[in-house]
Amino acid sequence: AHADHLALRKVRRAEQLTATDVAELERMFLAEGVGDEARLDAIRRDGGLGLFFRSLLGLDRQAAKAAFSGLVDLGSLSASQIQFIDMIVNHLTERGVIDPALLYESPFTDVSDQGLNGVFPPKESADVLAIVRRIAQTAAA
């Protein structure tokens, strides 16, 4: 039943949450016994309930792929660039968000020892970072 809830769908699809959505997530969090007010306060300080639920639910694969579709014409990506984007999409699908610093650590450094900057030129690297940050921001109201 909760999987069909509008706020949870927005969390999964990287759609911007509103204050009403966050209030509903808080209501569900407390009503379902996921945590108490003290835990809720800690989650608010640590990025908010949108990111908390996204970390539990993951991001819808199509939403993750769509976020990167405008990056560059997919026909112009190299094999290593496609692999790198696929790794980001997989991470987002599993965990919901990705800390930009992870793009410079394993397993991303398996593609290039310089991580993101070794795979993409500076402008495209900046675009990838902006997309990753935008995805995280949609989970905040």
C-alpha atoms as a PDB file:
ATOM      1  CA  ALA A   1       0.000   0.000   0.000  1.00  0.00           C
ATOM      2  CA  HIS A   2       2.760   2.423   0.923  1.00  0.00           C
ATOM      3  CA  ALA A   3       4.643   1.670  -2.306  1.00  0.00           C
ATOM      4  CA  ASP A   4       1.825   3.423  -4.176  1.00  0.00           C
ATOM      5  CA  HIS A   5       1.917   6.484  -1.926  1.00  0.00           C
ATOM      6  CA  LEU A   6       2.574   9.702  -3.874  1.00  0.00           C
ATOM      7  CA  ALA A   7       5.418  10.916  -1.628  1.00  0.00           C
ATOM      8  CA  LEU A   8       7.174   7.535  -1.819  1.00  0.00           C
ATOM      9  CA  ARG A   9       6.758   7.450  -5.609  1.00  0.00           C
ATOM     10  CA  LYS A  10       8.347  10.900  -5.785  1.00  0.00           C
ATOM     11  CA  VAL A  11      11.251   9.674  -3.644  1.00  0.00           C
ATOM     12  CA  ARG A  12      11.804   6.687  -5.974  1.00  0.00           C
ATOM     13  CA  ARG A  13      11.471   8.728  -9.181  1.00  0.00           C
ATOM     14  CA  ALA A  14      13.713  11.656  -8.179  1.00  0.00           C
ATOM     15  CA  GLU A  15      10.780  14.061  -8.334  1.00  0.00           C
ATOM     16  CA  GLN A  16      11.009  17.177  -6.172  1.00  0.00           C
ATOM     17  CA  LEU A  17       9.406  16.715  -2.758  1.00  0.00           C
ATOM     18  CA  THR A  18       7.164  19.427  -1.339  1.00  0.00           C
ATOM     19  CA  ALA A  19       6.733  20.365   2.319  1.00  0.00           C
ATOM     20  CA  THR A  20       3.449  18.405   2.212  1.00  0.00           C
ATOM     21  CA  ASP A  21       5.292  15.307   0.948  1.00  0.00           C
ATOM     22  CA  VAL A  22       7.845  15.579   3.743  1.00  0.00           C
ATOM     23  CA  ALA A  23       5.066  15.978   6.327  1.00  0.00           C
ATOM     24  CA  GLU A  24       3.441  12.813   4.969  1.00  0.00           C
ATOM     25  CA  LEU A  25       6.760  10.935   5.120  1.00  0.00           C
ATOM     26  CA  GLU A  26       7.114  12.056   8.742  1.00  0.00           C
ATOM     27  CA  ARG A  27       3.593  10.843   9.496  1.00  0.00           C
ATOM     28  CA  MET A  28       4.330   7.432   7.935  1.00  0.00           C
ATOM     29  CA  PHE A  29       7.685   7.210   9.718  1.00  0.00           C
ATOM     30  CA  LEU A  30       6.043   7.697  13.120  1.00  0.00           C
ATOM     31  CA  ALA A  31       2.773   5.821  12.411  1.00  0.00           C
ATOM     32  CA  GLU A  32       4.543   2.708  11.127  1.00  0.00           C
ATOM     33  CA  GLY A  33       6.890   2.640  14.091  1.00  0.00           C
ATOM     34  CA  VAL A  34      10.008   3.084  11.975  1.00  0.00           C
ATOM     35  CA  GLY A  35      11.319   5.439  14.620  1.00  0.00           C
ATOM     36  CA  ASP A  36      10.393   7.932  17.303  1.00  0.00           C
ATOM     37  CA  GLU A  37      10.652  11.737  17.469  1.00  0.00           C
ATOM     38  CA  ALA A  38      14.301  11.569  18.609  1.00  0.00           C
ATOM     39  CA  ARG A  39      15.228   9.393  15.611  1.00  0.00           C
ATOM     40  CA  LEU A  40      13.217  11.687  13.341  1.00  0.00           C
ATOM     41  CA  ASP A  41      15.145  14.718  14.632  1.00  0.00           C
ATOM     42  CA  ALA A  42      18.456  12.932  13.992  1.00  0.00           C
ATOM     43  CA  ILE A  43      17.363  12.087  10.431  1.00  0.00           C
ATOM     44  CA  ARG A  44      16.316  15.697   9.822  1.00  0.00           C
ATOM     45  CA  ARG A  45      19.808  16.849  10.849  1.00  0.00           C
ATOM     46  CA  ASP A  46      21.410  14.204   8.626  1.00  0.00           C
ATOM     47  CA  GLY A  47      19.805  15.276   5.347  1.00  0.00           C
ATOM     48  CA  GLY A  48      16.109  14.747   5.973  1.00  0.00           C
ATOM     49  CA  LEU A  49      13.469  12.084   5.562  1.00  0.00           C
ATOM     50  CA  GLY A  50      13.459  12.268   1.773  1.00  0.00           C
ATOM     51  CA  LEU A  51      17.089  11.137   1.630  1.00  0.00           C
ATOM     52  CA  PHE A  52      16.455   8.602   4.401  1.00  0.00           C
ATOM     53  CA  PHE A  53      13.584   6.967   2.483  1.00  0.00           C
ATOM     54  CA  ARG A  54      15.519   7.194  -0.800  1.00  0.00           C
ATOM     55  CA  SER A  55      18.446   5.354   0.826  1.00  0.00           C
ATOM     56  CA  LEU A  56      16.021   2.578   1.830  1.00  0.00           C
ATOM     57  CA  LEU A  57      14.006   2.432  -1.397  1.00  0.00           C
ATOM     58  CA  GLY A  58      16.686   3.220  -3.952  1.00  0.00           C
ATOM     59  CA  LEU A  59      16.029   5.207  -7.085  1.00  0.00           C
ATOM     60  CA  ASP A  60      13.923   3.922  -9.954  1.00  0.00           C
ATOM     61  CA  ARG A  61      16.316   2.728 -12.702  1.00  0.00           C
ATOM     62  CA  GLN A  62      14.457   4.631 -15.438  1.00  0.00           C
ATOM     63  CA  ALA A  63      14.558   7.830 -13.365  1.00  0.00           C
ATOM     64  CA  ALA A  64      18.294   7.387 -12.805  1.00  0.00           C
ATOM     65  CA  LYS A  65      18.924   6.800 -16.512  1.00  0.00           C
ATOM     66  CA  ALA A  66      16.695   9.728 -17.480  1.00  0.00           C
ATOM     67  CA  ALA A  67      18.685  12.050 -15.210  1.00  0.00           C
ATOM     68  CA  PHE A  68      21.787  11.386 -17.310  1.00  0.00           C
ATOM     69  CA  SER A  69      20.096  11.285 -20.727  1.00  0.00           C
ATOM     70  CA  GLY A  70      20.690  14.974 -21.365  1.00  0.00           C
ATOM     71  CA  LEU A  71      24.346  14.855 -20.324  1.00  0.00           C
ATOM     72  CA  VAL A  72      25.691  14.168 -23.777  1.00  0.00           C
ATOM     73  CA  ASP A  73      24.496  12.501 -26.922  1.00  0.00           C
ATOM     74  CA  LEU A  74      24.782   8.846 -25.914  1.00  0.00           C
ATOM     75  CA  GLY A  75      26.171   8.033 -29.344  1.00  0.00           C
ATOM     76  CA  SER A  76      29.250  10.115 -28.554  1.00  0.00           C
ATOM     77  CA  LEU A  77      30.162   8.379 -25.284  1.00  0.00           C
ATOM     78  CA  SER A  78      33.165   6.086 -25.122  1.00  0.00           C
ATOM     79  CA  ALA A  79      32.859   2.568 -23.708  1.00  0.00           C
ATOM     80  CA  SER A  80      34.479   3.658 -20.439  1.00  0.00           C
ATOM     81  CA  GLN A  81      32.131   6.666 -20.149  1.00  0.00           C
ATOM     82  CA  ILE A  82      29.094   4.420 -20.683  1.00  0.00           C
ATOM     83  CA  GLN A  83      30.460   1.986 -18.091  1.00  0.00           C
ATOM     84  CA  PHE A  84      31.005   4.830 -15.608  1.00  0.00           C
ATOM     85  CA  ILE A  85      27.461   6.205 -16.042  1.00  0.00           C
ATOM     86  CA  ASP A  86      26.053   2.665 -15.727  1.00  0.00           C
ATOM     87  CA  MET A  87      27.953   2.257 -12.452  1.00  0.00           C
ATOM     88  CA  ILE A  88      26.444   5.507 -11.146  1.00  0.00           C
ATOM     89  CA  VAL A  89      22.956   4.386 -12.242  1.00  0.00           C
ATOM     90  CA  ASN A  90      23.439   1.027 -10.495  1.00  0.00           C
ATOM     91  CA  HIS A  91      24.562   2.753  -7.303  1.00  0.00           C
ATOM     92  CA  LEU A  92      21.575   5.122  -7.419  1.00  0.00           C
ATOM     93  CA  THR A  93      19.192   2.217  -8.056  1.00  0.00           C
ATOM     94  CA  GLU A  94      20.524   0.372  -5.012  1.00  0.00           C
ATOM     95  CA  ARG A  95      21.180   3.226  -2.592  1.00  0.00           C
ATOM     96  CA  GLY A  96      19.124   6.158  -3.866  1.00  0.00           C
ATOM     97  CA  VAL A  97      21.878   8.776  -3.714  1.00  0.00           C
ATOM     98  CA  ILE A  98      25.609   8.916  -4.255  1.00  0.00           C
ATOM     99  CA  ASP A  99      28.150  11.055  -2.463  1.00  0.00           C
ATOM    100  CA  PRO A 100      30.113  12.841  -5.223  1.00  0.00           C
ATOM    101  CA  ALA A 101      33.356  11.914  -3.418  1.00  0.00           C
ATOM    102  CA  LEU A 102      32.629   8.247  -4.200  1.00  0.00           C
ATOM    103  CA  LEU A 103      33.166   8.975  -7.890  1.00  0.00           C
ATOM    104  CA  TYR A 104      36.880   9.215  -7.073  1.00  0.00           C
ATOM    105  CA  GLU A 105      37.020   5.918  -5.131  1.00  0.00           C
ATOM    106  CA  SER A 106      36.689   2.214  -5.906  1.00  0.00           C
ATOM    107  CA  PRO A 107      34.845   0.812  -7.807  1.00  0.00           C
ATOM    108  CA  PHE A 108      34.794   3.983  -9.931  1.00  0.00           C
ATOM    109  CA  THR A 109      38.592   4.135  -9.948  1.00  0.00           C
ATOM    110  CA  ASP A 110      38.542   0.683 -11.567  1.00  0.00           C
ATOM    111  CA  VAL A 111      37.466   2.457 -14.779  1.00  0.00           C
ATOM    112  CA  SER A 112      40.187   5.110 -14.414  1.00  0.00           C
ATOM    113  CA  ASP A 113      42.546   5.582 -11.496  1.00  0.00           C
ATOM    114  CA  GLN A 114      41.505   9.259 -11.512  1.00  0.00           C
ATOM    115  CA  GLY A 115      37.817   8.367 -11.154  1.00  0.00           C
ATOM    116  CA  LEU A 116      35.359  10.768 -12.754  1.00  0.00           C
ATOM    117  CA  ASN A 117      38.039  13.193 -13.968  1.00  0.00           C
ATOM    118  CA  GLY A 118      39.916  10.404 -15.718  1.00  0.00           C
ATOM    119  CA  VAL A 119      36.839   9.322 -17.663  1.00  0.00           C
ATOM    120  CA  PHE A 120      35.232  12.656 -18.584  1.00  0.00           C
ATOM    121  CA  PRO A 121      36.711  16.003 -19.638  1.00  0.00           C
ATOM    122  CA  PRO A 122      36.230  18.887 -17.140  1.00  0.00           C
ATOM    123  CA  LYS A 123      32.896  20.210 -18.481  1.00  0.00           C
ATOM    124  CA  GLU A 124      31.264  16.772 -18.600  1.00  0.00           C
ATOM    125  CA  SER A 125      32.715  15.920 -15.160  1.00  0.00           C
ATOM    126  CA  ALA A 126      31.062  19.073 -13.800  1.00  0.00           C
ATOM    127  CA  ASP A 127      27.794  18.062 -15.504  1.00  0.00           C
ATOM    128  CA  VAL A 128      27.903  14.586 -13.914  1.00  0.00           C
ATOM    129  CA  LEU A 129      28.488  16.142 -10.476  1.00  0.00           C
ATOM    130  CA  ALA A 130      25.606  18.582 -11.028  1.00  0.00           C
ATOM    131  CA  ILE A 131      23.261  15.714 -11.964  1.00  0.00           C
ATOM    132  CA  VAL A 132      24.271  13.690  -8.894  1.00  0.00           C
ATOM    133  CA  ARG A 133      23.676  16.715  -6.649  1.00  0.00           C
ATOM    134  CA  ARG A 134      20.344  17.511  -8.331  1.00  0.00           C
ATOM    135  CA  ILE A 135      19.135  13.949  -7.716  1.00  0.00           C
ATOM    136  CA  ALA A 136      19.968  14.309  -4.015  1.00  0.00           C
ATOM    137  CA  GLN A 137      18.284  17.728  -3.852  1.00  0.00           C
ATOM    138  CA  THR A 138      14.980  16.350  -5.162  1.00  0.00           C
ATOM    139  CA  ALA A 139      14.662  14.383  -1.914  1.00  0.00           C
ATOM    140  CA  ALA A 140      14.718  17.598   0.130  1.00  0.00           C
ATOM    141  CA  ALA A 141      11.758  19.930   0.368  1.00  0.00           C
END
